[in-house]
């Protein structure tokens, strides 16, 4: 939302409004005079008291309506009307992505490596305002680009990865995932994405543990598979709370990466990072009808 659009942080409080409306209808039907004296006093006597000014028939109705109005305004305030904070953009670093690239020989020497690179560039371009980082791994893992908002630099670095980028032989995806998790933690990213680009090598129980740790941080682990994904990669993404993509799913992957983690943050304990709660200001309005409750009735 932009401008002065208003949202409700706690809309379930509005369920109390129908109850207040019913209470208003019931009081209107029931009330006849203060204390309902009209039900127990002869009509002639009530008319005489009213003519002498001893009965103010409208006071009870005024007090009742004022009390209901105070309650209604309080309910609206508790619902949390809010507008988007002007400084919400300053919190975009709470949502980022780290691309973990398998630079082992089996991937670098594959004829499908250029296609995987293109897939990564599509994902990077889809980040928009989200910051991103790049990790490369083979027998060990290294930070190729720390988390940055310079998406152009991120794409250029990805284009430079080749078979000489990581000198350590082997394929240890768990080390790349551990490094990505540490990068998210150090950057205070609360709802990020980790994307593993791999041919499926090196899978086992240790990468699954790292996937569970990433999910425990509030992030998602997804997989871009060079080959048709096997059960191990499907399980890895399931544990990490993400998805598996193949190289022919470029558009779906770009859409997935374009989704902001803001919605996940708002479902957790961080909605006020993006919204200014106006509930207290609305509650102050309840003081106006509340003053009627303290009005003294002349004898």
Protein backbone atom coordinates (compact mmCIF):
# COMPACT_ATOMS: atom_id res chain seq x y z
CA UNK A 1 0.00 0.00 0.00
CA UNK A 2 1.09 3.55 -0.67
CA UNK A 3 0.05 7.07 0.24
CA UNK A 4 -2.58 7.22 2.94
CA UNK A 5 -4.09 3.79 2.39
CA UNK A 6 -5.19 2.32 5.69
CA UNK A 7 -4.95 -1.29 6.76
CA UNK A 8 -5.99 -3.06 9.97
CA UNK A 9 -3.35 -4.85 12.01
CA UNK A 10 -5.87 -6.65 14.26
CA UNK A 11 -9.11 -6.82 12.24
CA UNK A 12 -10.67 -9.53 14.40
CA UNK A 13 -11.57 -6.84 16.96
CA UNK A 14 -14.23 -5.61 14.50
CA UNK A 15 -16.24 -8.71 15.36
CA UNK A 16 -17.30 -6.82 18.49
CA UNK A 17 -19.11 -4.13 16.44
CA UNK A 18 -22.17 -6.29 15.65
CA UNK A 19 -22.49 -6.99 19.38
CA UNK A 20 -22.42 -3.27 20.12
CA UNK A 21 -25.02 -2.67 17.41
CA UNK A 22 -27.28 -5.28 19.00
CA UNK A 23 -26.75 -3.68 22.43
CA UNK A 24 -27.72 -0.28 20.99
CA UNK A 25 -30.90 -1.71 19.47
CA UNK A 26 -31.82 -3.52 22.70
CA UNK A 27 -31.27 -0.44 24.85
CA UNK A 28 -33.30 1.69 22.45
CA UNK A 29 -36.21 -0.74 22.63
CA UNK A 30 -35.99 -1.12 26.39
CA UNK A 31 -35.24 2.38 27.63
CA UNK A 32 -38.20 4.63 28.43
CA UNK A 33 -36.84 6.85 31.20
CA UNK A 34 -34.06 6.83 33.83
CA UNK A 35 -34.16 3.48 35.58
CA UNK A 36 -37.26 2.53 33.57
CA UNK A 37 -39.48 4.23 36.17
CA UNK A 38 -42.18 4.38 33.53
CA UNK A 39 -42.76 0.68 34.04
CA UNK A 40 -43.63 1.03 37.75
CA UNK A 41 -45.16 4.53 38.06
CA UNK A 42 -48.65 5.43 36.99
CA UNK A 43 -48.65 7.26 33.65
CA UNK A 44 -50.48 10.26 35.17
CA UNK A 45 -47.86 10.61 37.92
CA UNK A 46 -45.00 10.30 35.40
CA UNK A 47 -46.62 12.96 33.22
CA UNK A 48 -46.94 15.28 36.23
CA UNK A 49 -43.30 14.74 37.24
CA UNK A 50 -42.19 15.44 33.69
CA UNK A 51 -44.30 18.62 33.58
CA UNK A 52 -42.66 19.80 36.83
CA UNK A 53 -39.20 19.17 35.32
CA UNK A 54 -38.40 16.45 37.86
CA UNK A 55 -37.74 13.84 35.19
CA UNK A 56 -35.19 14.25 32.43
CA UNK A 57 -36.23 11.51 30.05
CA UNK A 58 -33.34 12.07 27.65
CA UNK A 59 -30.43 11.83 30.09
CA UNK A 60 -30.37 8.06 30.25
CA UNK A 61 -30.50 7.81 26.47
CA UNK A 62 -27.66 10.32 26.10
CA UNK A 63 -25.50 8.47 28.63
CA UNK A 64 -26.24 5.11 26.99
CA UNK A 65 -25.44 6.36 23.51
CA UNK A 66 -22.25 8.03 24.72
CA UNK A 67 -21.11 4.81 26.39
CA UNK A 68 -21.81 2.80 23.24
CA UNK A 69 -19.96 5.34 21.11
CA UNK A 70 -16.95 5.16 23.44
CA UNK A 71 -17.02 1.37 23.17
CA UNK A 72 -17.29 1.48 19.35
CA UNK A 73 -14.35 3.88 19.00
CA UNK A 74 -12.33 1.72 21.38
CA UNK A 75 -13.02 -1.36 19.26
CA UNK A 76 -11.88 0.44 16.11
CA UNK A 77 -8.71 1.56 17.90
CA UNK A 78 -8.01 -2.00 19.06
CA UNK A 79 -8.38 -3.18 15.44
CA UNK A 80 -5.17 -1.28 14.75
CA UNK A 81 -5.80 1.10 11.85
CA UNK A 82 -2.39 1.75 10.35
CA UNK A 83 -0.69 3.49 7.45
CA UNK A 84 2.56 2.50 5.81
CA UNK A 85 5.62 3.99 7.44
CA UNK A 86 7.58 6.43 5.30
CA UNK A 87 10.80 4.77 6.41
CA UNK A 88 9.61 1.23 5.55
CA UNK A 89 12.20 1.06 2.78
CA UNK A 90 14.91 1.25 5.43
CA UNK A 91 13.87 -2.22 6.60
CA UNK A 92 14.31 -3.93 3.24
CA UNK A 93 17.58 -5.45 4.50
CA UNK A 94 15.44 -7.70 6.70
CA UNK A 95 14.60 -9.61 3.51
CA UNK A 96 17.44 -10.81 1.29
CA UNK A 97 18.64 -13.74 -0.78
CA UNK A 98 21.85 -15.75 -1.03
CA UNK A 99 22.64 -17.79 -4.14
CA UNK A 100 24.78 -20.83 -3.40
CA UNK A 101 26.52 -22.03 -6.57
CA UNK A 102 27.99 -25.50 -6.98
CA UNK A 103 31.34 -24.84 -8.71
CA UNK A 104 32.54 -28.44 -8.63
CA UNK A 105 33.91 -29.96 -11.88
CA UNK A 106 30.75 -31.99 -12.54
CA UNK A 107 28.80 -28.73 -12.81
CA UNK A 108 31.41 -26.51 -14.44
CA UNK A 109 32.14 -29.06 -17.17
CA UNK A 110 28.48 -29.74 -17.92
CA UNK A 111 27.09 -28.36 -21.21
CA UNK A 112 24.11 -27.19 -19.17
CA UNK A 113 26.20 -24.84 -16.99
CA UNK A 114 25.50 -21.77 -19.21
CA UNK A 115 21.79 -22.50 -18.89
CA UNK A 116 22.15 -22.66 -15.11
CA UNK A 117 24.03 -19.34 -15.16
CA UNK A 118 21.17 -17.78 -17.13
CA UNK A 119 18.73 -19.16 -14.57
CA UNK A 120 20.73 -17.48 -11.81
CA UNK A 121 20.79 -14.15 -13.65
CA UNK A 122 17.03 -14.25 -14.04
CA UNK A 123 16.67 -14.87 -10.31
CA UNK A 124 19.06 -12.03 -9.45
CA UNK A 125 17.25 -9.61 -11.76
CA UNK A 126 13.96 -10.53 -10.07
CA UNK A 127 15.22 -9.45 -6.63
CA UNK A 128 14.28 -5.83 -7.28
CA UNK A 129 15.04 -3.87 -4.09
CA UNK A 130 15.98 -7.01 -2.14
CA UNK A 131 19.71 -7.34 -1.39
CA UNK A 132 21.52 -10.47 -2.44
CA UNK A 133 24.73 -12.37 -1.89
CA UNK A 134 26.69 -15.10 -3.66
CA UNK A 135 28.44 -18.18 -2.29
CA UNK A 136 30.47 -20.66 -4.34
CA UNK A 137 31.46 -24.13 -3.17
CA UNK A 138 33.10 -27.35 -4.22
CA UNK A 139 35.20 -29.14 -1.60
CA UNK A 140 34.96 -25.95 0.48
CA UNK A 141 32.81 -22.81 0.36
CA UNK A 142 33.67 -19.14 -0.13
CA UNK A 143 31.82 -15.84 -0.20
CA UNK A 144 31.96 -14.55 -3.78
CA UNK A 145 29.87 -11.47 -3.03
CA UNK A 146 28.69 -10.39 0.39
CA UNK A 147 25.06 -9.32 0.76
CA UNK A 148 24.64 -6.13 -1.21
CA UNK A 149 22.00 -4.02 -2.84
CA UNK A 150 24.11 -3.76 -6.00
CA UNK A 151 22.29 -6.41 -8.00
CA UNK A 152 24.26 -5.55 -11.13
CA UNK A 153 27.51 -6.48 -9.42
CA UNK A 154 25.95 -9.72 -8.21
CA UNK A 155 25.02 -10.71 -11.76
CA UNK A 156 28.49 -9.85 -13.08
CA UNK A 157 30.15 -12.00 -10.43
CA UNK A 158 27.88 -14.93 -11.29
CA UNK A 159 28.94 -14.61 -14.95
CA UNK A 160 32.62 -14.94 -13.97
CA UNK A 161 32.31 -18.27 -12.13
CA UNK A 162 34.23 -21.06 -13.92
CA UNK A 163 36.09 -24.27 -13.20
CA UNK A 164 38.96 -22.36 -11.59
CA UNK A 165 36.88 -20.39 -9.11
CA UNK A 166 37.05 -22.93 -6.27
CA UNK A 167 40.36 -24.84 -6.07
CA UNK A 168 39.17 -27.40 -3.52
CA UNK A 169 38.10 -30.71 -5.11
CA UNK A 170 34.85 -32.40 -4.13
CA UNK A 171 31.27 -31.31 -3.60
CA UNK A 172 30.27 -30.19 -0.10
CA UNK A 173 26.91 -28.37 -0.37
CA UNK A 174 26.53 -28.33 3.41
CA UNK A 175 29.48 -25.93 3.65
CA UNK A 176 27.90 -23.57 1.14
CA UNK A 177 24.58 -23.70 2.97
CA UNK A 178 26.25 -23.09 6.35
CA UNK A 179 28.06 -20.06 4.94
CA UNK A 180 24.82 -18.71 3.45
CA UNK A 181 23.04 -19.13 6.78
CA UNK A 182 25.84 -17.23 8.52
CA UNK A 183 25.63 -14.42 5.98
CA UNK A 184 21.89 -14.05 6.57
CA UNK A 185 22.42 -14.02 10.32
CA UNK A 186 25.20 -11.44 10.24
CA UNK A 187 23.13 -9.20 7.94
CA UNK A 188 20.13 -9.48 10.32
CA UNK A 189 18.02 -10.93 7.50
CA UNK A 190 14.87 -12.35 9.08
CA UNK A 191 12.87 -13.61 6.11
CA UNK A 192 15.36 -14.34 3.36
CA UNK A 193 15.90 -16.97 0.69
CA UNK A 194 18.79 -19.32 0.11
CA UNK A 195 18.91 -20.89 -3.36
CA UNK A 196 21.18 -23.86 -4.02
CA UNK A 197 22.28 -24.33 -7.66
CA UNK A 198 23.49 -27.90 -8.01
CA UNK A 199 23.57 -31.10 -10.03
CA UNK A 200 22.59 -33.04 -6.92
CA UNK A 201 26.08 -34.06 -5.82
CA UNK A 202 27.06 -34.32 -2.15
CA UNK A 203 23.57 -34.82 -0.76
CA UNK A 204 23.08 -36.57 2.56
CA UNK A 205 22.04 -36.03 6.18
CA UNK A 206 24.41 -33.09 6.80
CA UNK A 207 22.89 -30.82 4.10
CA UNK A 208 19.46 -31.68 5.52
CA UNK A 209 20.61 -30.42 8.93
CA UNK A 210 21.76 -27.17 7.34
CA UNK A 211 18.41 -26.86 5.52
CA UNK A 212 16.56 -27.24 8.81
CA UNK A 213 18.79 -24.57 10.36
CA UNK A 214 18.04 -22.14 7.53
CA UNK A 215 14.31 -22.72 7.96
CA UNK A 216 14.75 -22.19 11.69
CA UNK A 217 16.12 -18.70 10.97
CA UNK A 218 12.89 -17.78 9.19
CA UNK A 219 14.41 -18.15 5.72
CA UNK A 220 13.61 -20.58 2.89
CA UNK A 221 15.94 -22.97 1.11
CA UNK A 222 15.10 -23.67 -2.52
CA UNK A 223 16.96 -25.69 -5.13
CA UNK A 224 17.72 -25.12 -8.81
CA UNK A 225 18.55 -28.55 -10.17
CA UNK A 226 20.75 -28.99 -13.25
CA UNK A 227 19.27 -32.43 -13.85
CA UNK A 228 15.85 -33.87 -13.13
CA UNK A 229 15.56 -33.54 -9.33
CA UNK A 230 15.77 -36.73 -7.34
CA UNK A 231 14.19 -37.57 -3.99
CA UNK A 232 17.19 -36.18 -2.09
CA UNK A 233 16.80 -32.68 -3.58
CA UNK A 234 13.03 -32.77 -3.15
CA UNK A 235 13.51 -33.63 0.52
CA UNK A 236 16.15 -30.92 0.93
CA UNK A 237 13.78 -28.22 -0.37
CA UNK A 238 10.91 -29.59 1.69
CA UNK A 239 12.95 -29.43 4.90
CA UNK A 240 14.12 -25.93 3.97
CA UNK A 241 10.57 -24.72 3.32
CA UNK A 242 11.29 -23.82 -0.31
CA UNK A 243 10.75 -25.23 -3.80
CA UNK A 244 12.65 -27.16 -6.44
CA UNK A 245 13.11 -25.65 -9.91
CA UNK A 246 14.50 -27.16 -13.07
CA UNK A 247 16.33 -25.24 -15.79
CA UNK A 248 13.20 -24.97 -17.94
CA UNK A 249 11.30 -23.12 -15.19
CA UNK A 250 12.99 -19.76 -15.60
CA UNK A 251 9.80 -17.69 -15.43
CA UNK A 252 8.46 -19.53 -12.38
CA UNK A 253 11.79 -19.08 -10.63
CA UNK A 254 11.87 -15.35 -11.39
CA UNK A 255 8.35 -14.94 -10.01
CA UNK A 256 9.31 -16.88 -6.88
CA UNK A 257 12.39 -14.72 -6.28
CA UNK A 258 10.38 -11.55 -6.90
CA UNK A 259 8.14 -12.33 -3.95
CA UNK A 260 9.14 -10.20 -0.98
CA UNK A 261 9.64 -11.71 2.44
CA UNK A 262 7.65 -8.78 3.85
CA UNK A 263 4.51 -10.90 4.08
CA UNK A 264 6.40 -13.47 6.16
CA UNK A 265 7.70 -10.74 8.46
CA UNK A 266 4.22 -9.33 8.96
CA UNK A 267 2.91 -12.79 9.85
CA UNK A 268 5.59 -12.98 12.54
CA UNK A 269 6.25 -10.34 15.19
CA UNK A 270 7.41 -7.49 12.97
CA UNK A 271 4.37 -5.76 11.40
CA UNK A 272 5.19 -2.41 13.03
CA UNK A 273 8.41 -2.28 11.02
CA UNK A 274 6.20 -1.45 8.04
CA UNK A 275 3.05 0.07 9.55
CA UNK A 276 2.46 3.01 11.89
CA UNK A 277 -0.34 2.00 14.28
CA UNK A 278 -2.85 4.84 14.61
CA UNK A 279 -4.88 3.03 17.25
CA UNK A 280 -3.80 5.35 20.07
CA UNK A 281 -4.84 8.41 18.10
CA UNK A 282 -8.24 6.89 17.37
CA UNK A 283 -8.60 5.98 21.04
CA UNK A 284 -8.09 9.64 21.94
CA UNK A 285 -11.26 10.42 19.98
CA UNK A 286 -13.20 8.33 22.50
CA UNK A 287 -12.50 11.00 25.11
CA UNK A 288 -14.99 13.34 23.41
CA UNK A 289 -18.13 11.22 23.94
CA UNK A 290 -16.66 10.04 27.25
CA UNK A 291 -16.99 13.60 28.58
CA UNK A 292 -20.76 13.25 28.33
CA UNK A 293 -20.60 10.45 30.89
CA UNK A 294 -19.32 12.95 33.46
CA UNK A 295 -21.96 15.60 32.75
CA UNK A 296 -23.88 16.63 35.86
CA UNK A 297 -27.63 16.73 35.56
CA UNK A 298 -29.25 19.74 37.22
CA UNK A 299 -31.61 18.89 40.09
